[in-house]
PDB file of N, CA and C in Angstrom:
ATOM      1  N   MET A   1      18.936  16.484   3.081  1.00  0.00           N
ATOM      2  CA  MET A   1      17.751  16.907   2.366  1.00  0.00           C
ATOM      3  C   MET A   1      18.125  18.043   1.423  1.00  0.00           C
ATOM      4  N   SER A   2      17.440  18.078   0.306  1.00  0.00           N
ATOM      5  CA  SER A   2      17.686  19.141  -0.654  1.00  0.00           C
ATOM      6  C   SER A   2      16.929  20.409  -0.244  1.00  0.00           C
ATOM      7  N   ASN A   3      17.265  21.493  -0.900  1.00  0.00           N
ATOM      8  CA  ASN A   3      16.548  22.752  -0.634  1.00  0.00           C
ATOM      9  C   ASN A   3      15.065  22.593  -0.901  1.00  0.00           C
ATOM     10  N   GLN A   4      14.745  21.801  -1.927  1.00  0.00           N
ATOM     11  CA  GLN A   4      13.342  21.567  -2.271  1.00  0.00           C
ATOM     12  C   GLN A   4      12.607  20.905  -1.097  1.00  0.00           C
ATOM     13  N   HIS A   5      13.259  19.948  -0.447  1.00  0.00           N
ATOM     14  CA  HIS A   5      12.628  19.288   0.687  1.00  0.00           C
ATOM     15  C   HIS A   5      12.474  20.246   1.864  1.00  0.00           C
ATOM     16  N   HIS A   6      13.486  21.073   2.105  1.00  0.00           N
ATOM     17  CA  HIS A   6      13.391  22.060   3.185  1.00  0.00           C
ATOM     18  C   HIS A   6      12.228  23.009   2.932  1.00  0.00           C
ATOM     19  N   GLU A   7      12.077  23.437   1.686  1.00  0.00           N
ATOM     20  CA  GLU A   7      10.989  24.347   1.335  1.00  0.00           C
ATOM     21  C   GLU A   7       9.634  23.681   1.549  1.00  0.00           C
ATOM     22  N   ARG A   8       9.549  22.400   1.216  1.00  0.00           N
ATOM     23  CA  ARG A   8       8.282  21.683   1.407  1.00  0.00           C
ATOM     24  C   ARG A   8       7.942  21.552   2.885  1.00  0.00           C
ATOM     25  N   VAL A   9       8.938  21.295   3.717  1.00  0.00           N
ATOM     26  CA  VAL A   9       8.697  21.204   5.158  1.00  0.00           C
ATOM     27  C   VAL A   9       8.198  22.548   5.676  1.00  0.00           C
ATOM     28  N   GLU A  10       8.849  23.619   5.265  1.00  0.00           N
ATOM     29  CA  GLU A  10       8.410  24.955   5.676  1.00  0.00           C
ATOM     30  C   GLU A  10       6.980  25.222   5.221  1.00  0.00           C
ATOM     31  N   ALA A  11       6.645  24.762   4.017  1.00  0.00           N
ATOM     32  CA  ALA A  11       5.285  24.958   3.495  1.00  0.00           C
ATOM     33  C   ALA A  11       4.270  24.183   4.330  1.00  0.00           C
ATOM     34  N   VAL A  12       4.634  22.983   4.779  1.00  0.00           N
ATOM     35  CA  VAL A  12       3.730  22.189   5.612  1.00  0.00           C
ATOM     36  C   VAL A  12       3.482  22.893   6.946  1.00  0.00           C
ATOM     37  N   VAL A  13       4.533  23.381   7.565  1.00  0.00           N
ATOM     38  CA  VAL A  13       4.385  24.068   8.862  1.00  0.00           C
ATOM     39  C   VAL A  13       3.561  25.344   8.677  1.00  0.00           C
ATOM     40  N   THR A  14       3.827  26.063   7.612  1.00  0.00           N
ATOM     41  CA  THR A  14       3.056  27.287   7.335  1.00  0.00           C
ATOM     42  C   THR A  14       1.584  26.951   7.109  1.00  0.00           C
ATOM     43  N   ALA A  15       1.310  25.906   6.341  1.00  0.00           N
ATOM     44  CA  ALA A  15      -0.079  25.500   6.094  1.00  0.00           C
ATOM     45  C   ALA A  15      -0.755  25.090   7.399  1.00  0.00           C
ATOM     46  N   PHE A  16      -0.002  24.406   8.261  1.00  0.00           N
ATOM     47  CA  PHE A  16      -0.547  24.000   9.557  1.00  0.00           C
ATOM     48  C   PHE A  16      -0.914  25.224  10.388  1.00  0.00           C
ATOM     49  N   ARG A  17      -0.040  26.227  10.371  1.00  0.00           N
ATOM     50  CA  ARG A  17      -0.335  27.473  11.100  1.00  0.00           C
ATOM     51  C   ARG A  17      -1.615  28.112  10.570  1.00  0.00           C
ATOM     52  N   GLU A  18      -1.775  28.110   9.249  1.00  0.00           N
ATOM     53  CA  GLU A  18      -2.965  28.713   8.639  1.00  0.00           C
ATOM     54  C   GLU A  18      -4.221  27.936   9.002  1.00  0.00           C
ATOM     55  N   ILE A  19      -4.110  26.606   9.057  1.00  0.00           N
ATOM     56  CA  ILE A  19      -5.258  25.784   9.428  1.00  0.00           C
ATOM     57  C   ILE A  19      -5.667  26.066  10.872  1.00  0.00           C
ATOM     58  N   LEU A  20      -4.675  26.215  11.749  1.00  0.00           N
ATOM     59  CA  LEU A  20      -4.967  26.480  13.159  1.00  0.00           C
ATOM     60  C   LEU A  20      -5.637  27.824  13.367  1.00  0.00           C
ATOM     61  N   GLY A  21      -5.214  28.799  12.596  1.00  0.00           N
ATOM     62  CA  GLY A  21      -5.744  30.144  12.781  1.00  0.00           C
ATOM     63  C   GLY A  21      -4.923  30.919  13.806  1.00  0.00           C
ATOM     64  N   ALA A  22      -5.117  32.209  13.802  1.00  0.00           N
ATOM     65  CA  ALA A  22      -4.311  33.106  14.628  1.00  0.00           C
ATOM     66  C   ALA A  22      -4.472  32.858  16.120  1.00  0.00           C
ATOM     67  N   SER A  23      -5.707  32.620  16.571  1.00  0.00           N
ATOM     68  CA  SER A  23      -5.914  32.469  18.021  1.00  0.00           C
ATOM     69  C   SER A  23      -5.236  31.206  18.555  1.00  0.00           C
ATOM     70  N   LEU A  24      -5.304  30.112  17.852  1.00  0.00           N
ATOM     71  CA  LEU A  24      -4.635  28.898  18.306  1.00  0.00           C
ATOM     72  C   LEU A  24      -3.117  29.015  18.169  1.00  0.00           C
ATOM     73  N   CYS A  25      -2.662  29.681  17.121  1.00  0.00           N
ATOM     74  CA  CYS A  25      -1.214  29.853  16.933  1.00  0.00           C
ATOM     75  C   CYS A  25      -0.597  30.634  18.081  1.00  0.00           C
ATOM     76  N   ARG A  26      -1.350  31.572  18.648  1.00  0.00           N
ATOM     77  CA  ARG A  26      -0.836  32.342  19.781  1.00  0.00           C
ATOM     78  C   ARG A  26      -0.622  31.453  21.009  1.00  0.00           C
ATOM     79  N   GLN A  27      -1.326  30.322  21.069  1.00  0.00           N
ATOM     80  CA  GLN A  27      -1.200  29.410  22.202  1.00  0.00           C
ATOM     81  C   GLN A  27      -0.031  28.433  22.030  1.00  0.00           C
ATOM     82  N   ILE A  28       0.545  28.404  20.846  1.00  0.00           N
ATOM     83  CA  ILE A  28       1.659  27.500  20.551  1.00  0.00           C
ATOM     84  C   ILE A  28       2.921  28.351  20.423  1.00  0.00           C
ATOM     85  N   SER A  29       3.940  27.970  21.139  1.00  0.00           N
ATOM     86  CA  SER A  29       5.173  28.761  21.128  1.00  0.00           C
ATOM     87  C   SER A  29       5.964  28.540  19.841  1.00  0.00           C
ATOM     88  N   ASP A  30       6.850  29.494  19.560  1.00  0.00           N
ATOM     89  CA  ASP A  30       7.743  29.342  18.410  1.00  0.00           C
ATOM     90  C   ASP A  30       8.605  28.098  18.559  1.00  0.00           C
ATOM     91  N   ALA A  31       9.004  27.784  19.777  1.00  0.00           N
ATOM     92  CA  ALA A  31       9.819  26.590  20.030  1.00  0.00           C
ATOM     93  C   ALA A  31       9.045  25.325  19.655  1.00  0.00           C
ATOM     94  N   GLN A  32       7.758  25.308  19.934  1.00  0.00           N
ATOM     95  CA  GLN A  32       6.948  24.146  19.577  1.00  0.00           C
ATOM     96  C   GLN A  32       6.803  24.025  18.057  1.00  0.00           C
ATOM     97  N   PHE A  33       6.664  25.146  17.371  1.00  0.00           N
ATOM     98  CA  PHE A  33       6.607  25.092  15.907  1.00  0.00           C
ATOM     99  C   PHE A  33       7.961  24.652  15.338  1.00  0.00           C
ATOM    100  N   ARG A  34       9.056  25.067  15.974  1.00  0.00           N
ATOM    101  CA  ARG A  34      10.385  24.600  15.544  1.00  0.00           C
ATOM    102  C   ARG A  34      10.516  23.099  15.765  1.00  0.00           C
ATOM    103  N   ASP A  35       9.967  22.607  16.873  1.00  0.00           N
ATOM    104  CA  ASP A  35       9.970  21.167  17.125  1.00  0.00           C
ATOM    105  C   ASP A  35       9.194  20.419  16.041  1.00  0.00           C
ATOM    106  N   LEU A  36       8.050  20.957  15.669  1.00  0.00           N
ATOM    107  CA  LEU A  36       7.259  20.358  14.591  1.00  0.00           C
ATOM    108  C   LEU A  36       8.070  20.327  13.301  1.00  0.00           C
ATOM    109  N   ASP A  37       8.703  21.427  12.975  1.00  0.00           N
ATOM    110  CA  ASP A  37       9.546  21.522  11.780  1.00  0.00           C
ATOM    111  C   ASP A  37      10.650  20.462  11.825  1.00  0.00           C
ATOM    112  N   ARG A  38      11.313  20.344  12.977  1.00  0.00           N
ATOM    113  CA  ARG A  38      12.399  19.375  13.137  1.00  0.00           C
ATOM    114  C   ARG A  38      11.899  17.949  12.971  1.00  0.00           C
ATOM    115  N   LEU A  39      10.755  17.638  13.574  1.00  0.00           N
ATOM    116  CA  LEU A  39      10.197  16.293  13.469  1.00  0.00           C
ATOM    117  C   LEU A  39       9.866  15.933  12.023  1.00  0.00           C
ATOM    118  N   ILE A  40       9.307  16.886  11.308  1.00  0.00           N
ATOM    119  CA  ILE A  40       8.972  16.630   9.905  1.00  0.00           C
ATOM    120  C   ILE A  40      10.244  16.430   9.093  1.00  0.00           C
ATOM    121  N   ARG A  41      11.259  17.264   9.334  1.00  0.00           N
ATOM    122  CA  ARG A  41      12.534  17.109   8.617  1.00  0.00           C
ATOM    123  C   ARG A  41      13.169  15.748   8.899  1.00  0.00           C
ATOM    124  N   GLU A  42      13.118  15.312  10.154  1.00  0.00           N
ATOM    125  CA  GLU A  42      13.668  14.001  10.503  1.00  0.00           C
ATOM    126  C   GLU A  42      12.923  12.890   9.779  1.00  0.00           C
ATOM    127  N   LEU A  43      11.607  13.000   9.727  1.00  0.00           N
ATOM    128  CA  LEU A  43      10.805  12.001   9.031  1.00  0.00           C
ATOM    129  C   LEU A  43      11.146  11.959   7.545  1.00  0.00           C
ATOM    130  N   VAL A  44      11.248  13.118   6.925  1.00  0.00           N
ATOM    131  CA  VAL A  44      11.589  13.174   5.506  1.00  0.00           C
ATOM    132  C   VAL A  44      12.971  12.569   5.276  1.00  0.00           C
ATOM    133  N   SER A  45      13.918  12.865   6.139  1.00  0.00           N
ATOM    134  CA  SER A  45      15.270  12.307   6.009  1.00  0.00           C
ATOM    135  C   SER A  45      15.256  10.787   6.106  1.00  0.00           C
ATOM    136  N   VAL A  46      14.499  10.258   7.052  1.00  0.00           N
ATOM    137  CA  VAL A  46      14.398   8.801   7.203  1.00  0.00           C
ATOM    138  C   VAL A  46      13.795   8.192   5.941  1.00  0.00           C
ATOM    139  N   GLU A  47      12.735   8.794   5.448  1.00  0.00           N
ATOM    140  CA  GLU A  47      12.076   8.266   4.245  1.00  0.00           C
ATOM    141  C   GLU A  47      13.010   8.315   3.039  1.00  0.00           C
ATOM    142  N   LEU A  48      13.772   9.387   2.912  1.00  0.00           N
ATOM    143  CA  LEU A  48      14.719   9.488   1.802  1.00  0.00           C
ATOM    144  C   LEU A  48      15.807   8.426   1.900  1.00  0.00           C
ATOM    145  N   ARG A  49      16.321   8.208   3.107  1.00  0.00           N
ATOM    146  CA  ARG A  49      17.343   7.164   3.301  1.00  0.00           C
ATOM    147  C   ARG A  49      16.787   5.791   2.957  1.00  0.00           C
ATOM    148  N   GLU A  50      15.570   5.499   3.402  1.00  0.00           N
ATOM    149  CA  GLU A  50      14.966   4.205   3.123  1.00  0.00           C
ATOM    150  C   GLU A  50      14.730   4.021   1.633  1.00  0.00           C
ATOM    151  N   ALA A  51      14.293   5.073   0.958  1.00  0.00           N
ATOM    152  CA  ALA A  51      14.088   4.994  -0.493  1.00  0.00           C
ATOM    153  C   ALA A  51      15.418   4.755  -1.206  1.00  0.00           C
ATOM    154  N   ALA A  52      16.466   5.447  -0.786  1.00  0.00           N
ATOM    155  CA  ALA A  52      17.789   5.258  -1.390  1.00  0.00           C
ATOM    156  C   ALA A  52      18.287   3.837  -1.160  1.00  0.00           C
ATOM    157  N   ASN A  53      18.040   3.308   0.023  1.00  0.00           N
ATOM    158  CA  ASN A  53      18.448   1.934   0.311  1.00  0.00           C
ATOM    159  C   ASN A  53      17.702   0.940  -0.573  1.00  0.00           C
ATOM    160  N   ARG A  54      16.406   1.166  -0.793  1.00  0.00           N
ATOM    161  CA  ARG A  54      15.637   0.269  -1.661  1.00  0.00           C
ATOM    162  C   ARG A  54      16.154   0.327  -3.090  1.00  0.00           C
ATOM    163  N   VAL A  55      16.477   1.522  -3.565  1.00  0.00           N
ATOM    164  CA  VAL A  55      17.029   1.674  -4.909  1.00  0.00           C
ATOM    165  C   VAL A  55      18.356   0.928  -5.012  1.00  0.00           C
ATOM    166  N   GLU A  56      19.179   1.028  -3.991  1.00  0.00           N
ATOM    167  CA  GLU A  56      20.474   0.347  -3.991  1.00  0.00           C
ATOM    168  C   GLU A  56      20.291  -1.173  -4.041  1.00  0.00           C
ATOM    169  N   VAL A  57      19.342  -1.696  -3.272  1.00  0.00           N
ATOM    170  CA  VAL A  57      19.091  -3.131  -3.270  1.00  0.00           C
ATOM    171  C   VAL A  57      18.632  -3.598  -4.647  1.00  0.00           C
ATOM    172  N   VAL A  58      17.727  -2.861  -5.252  1.00  0.00           N
ATOM    173  CA  VAL A  58      17.232  -3.224  -6.579  1.00  0.00           C
ATOM    174  C   VAL A  58      18.359  -3.137  -7.608  1.00  0.00           C
ATOM    175  N   THR A  59      19.164  -2.098  -7.528  1.00  0.00           N
ATOM    176  CA  THR A  59      20.281  -1.931  -8.452  1.00  0.00           C
ATOM    177  C   THR A  59      21.252  -3.101  -8.337  1.00  0.00           C
ATOM    178  N   LYS A  60      21.590  -3.490  -7.134  1.00  0.00           N
ATOM    179  CA  LYS A  60      22.501  -4.624  -6.930  1.00  0.00           C
ATOM    180  C   LYS A  60      21.891  -5.911  -7.477  1.00  0.00           C
ATOM    181  N   ALA A  61      20.606  -6.102  -7.243  1.00  0.00           N
ATOM    182  CA  ALA A  61      19.938  -7.310  -7.740  1.00  0.00           C
ATOM    183  C   ALA A  61      19.953  -7.341  -9.262  1.00  0.00           C
ATOM    184  N   LEU A  62      19.676  -6.210  -9.883  1.00  0.00           N
ATOM    185  CA  LEU A  62      19.691  -6.156 -11.348  1.00  0.00           C
ATOM    186  C   LEU A  62      21.084  -6.415 -11.891  1.00  0.00           C
ATOM    187  N   ARG A  63      22.081  -5.850 -11.254  1.00  0.00           N
ATOM    188  CA  ARG A  63      23.463  -6.053 -11.697  1.00  0.00           C
ATOM    189  C   ARG A  63      23.869  -7.514 -11.568  1.00  0.00           C
ATOM    190  N   SER A  64      23.450  -8.155 -10.507  1.00  0.00           N
ATOM    191  CA  SER A  64      23.844  -9.548 -10.298  1.00  0.00           C
ATOM    192  C   SER A  64      23.150 -10.487 -11.286  1.00  0.00           C
ATOM    193  N   GLU A  65      21.988 -10.079 -11.775  1.00  0.00           N
ATOM    194  CA  GLU A  65      21.250 -10.916 -12.724  1.00  0.00           C
ATOM    195  C   GLU A  65      21.608 -10.641 -14.175  1.00  0.00           C
ATOM    196  N   THR A  66      22.316  -9.549 -14.426  1.00  0.00           N
ATOM    197  CA  THR A  66      22.633  -9.156 -15.780  1.00  0.00           C
ATOM    198  C   THR A  66      24.089  -9.495 -16.070  1.00  0.00           C
ATOM    199  N   ASP A  67      24.293 -10.321 -17.054  1.00  0.00           N
ATOM    200  CA  ASP A  67      25.650 -10.670 -17.459  1.00  0.00           C
ATOM    201  C   ASP A  67      26.297  -9.446 -18.079  1.00  0.00           C
ATOM    202  N   VAL A  68      27.568  -9.237 -17.796  1.00  0.00           N
ATOM    203  CA  VAL A  68      28.293  -8.078 -18.303  1.00  0.00           C
ATOM    204  C   VAL A  68      28.236  -8.014 -19.819  1.00  0.00           C
ATOM    205  N   ARG A  69      28.297  -9.166 -20.484  1.00  0.00           N
ATOM    206  CA  ARG A  69      28.231  -9.192 -21.954  1.00  0.00           C
ATOM    207  C   ARG A  69      26.898  -8.694 -22.460  1.00  0.00           C
ATOM    208  N   GLU A  70      25.831  -8.975 -21.715  1.00  0.00           N
ATOM    209  CA  GLU A  70      24.491  -8.527 -22.106  1.00  0.00           C
ATOM    210  C   GLU A  70      24.393  -7.008 -22.063  1.00  0.00           C
ATOM    211  N   MET A  71      25.203  -6.393 -21.208  1.00  0.00           N
ATOM    212  CA  MET A  71      25.172  -4.939 -21.062  1.00  0.00           C
ATOM    213  C   MET A  71      26.047  -4.264 -22.098  1.00  0.00           C
ATOM    214  N   GLY A  72      26.777  -5.029 -22.883  1.00  0.00           N
ATOM    215  CA  GLY A  72      27.646  -4.441 -23.888  1.00  0.00           C
ATOM    216  C   GLY A  72      28.964  -3.946 -23.338  1.00  0.00           C
ATOM    217  N   LEU A  73      29.383  -4.443 -22.214  1.00  0.00           N
ATOM    218  CA  LEU A  73      30.643  -4.016 -21.604  1.00  0.00           C
ATOM    219  C   LEU A  73      31.728  -5.030 -21.822  1.00  0.00           C
TER     220      LEU A  73
END
C-alpha cells in the first residue's frame, strides 16, 4: 500500500473514533483499534491486488487482439 492508502486508513479509524465519541472509545482498547486498522489495511491490500490483476488481464487481452504492426512497432 502507498502512503496515501495508509493515511486514508488512519483517517477512517480516526473518523470512527469521532463517531463513537469519547465515552464509547474508552470502552474499546487500543489493541482493538489496532485490530480495526489492520483489518482495513488488509482489505485495502486485497482490493488493490484484485484491481491490479484485472488491469493485467485486460492488458493481456488487448495485446493479444492488437497486431504488432497496428501498434507501429
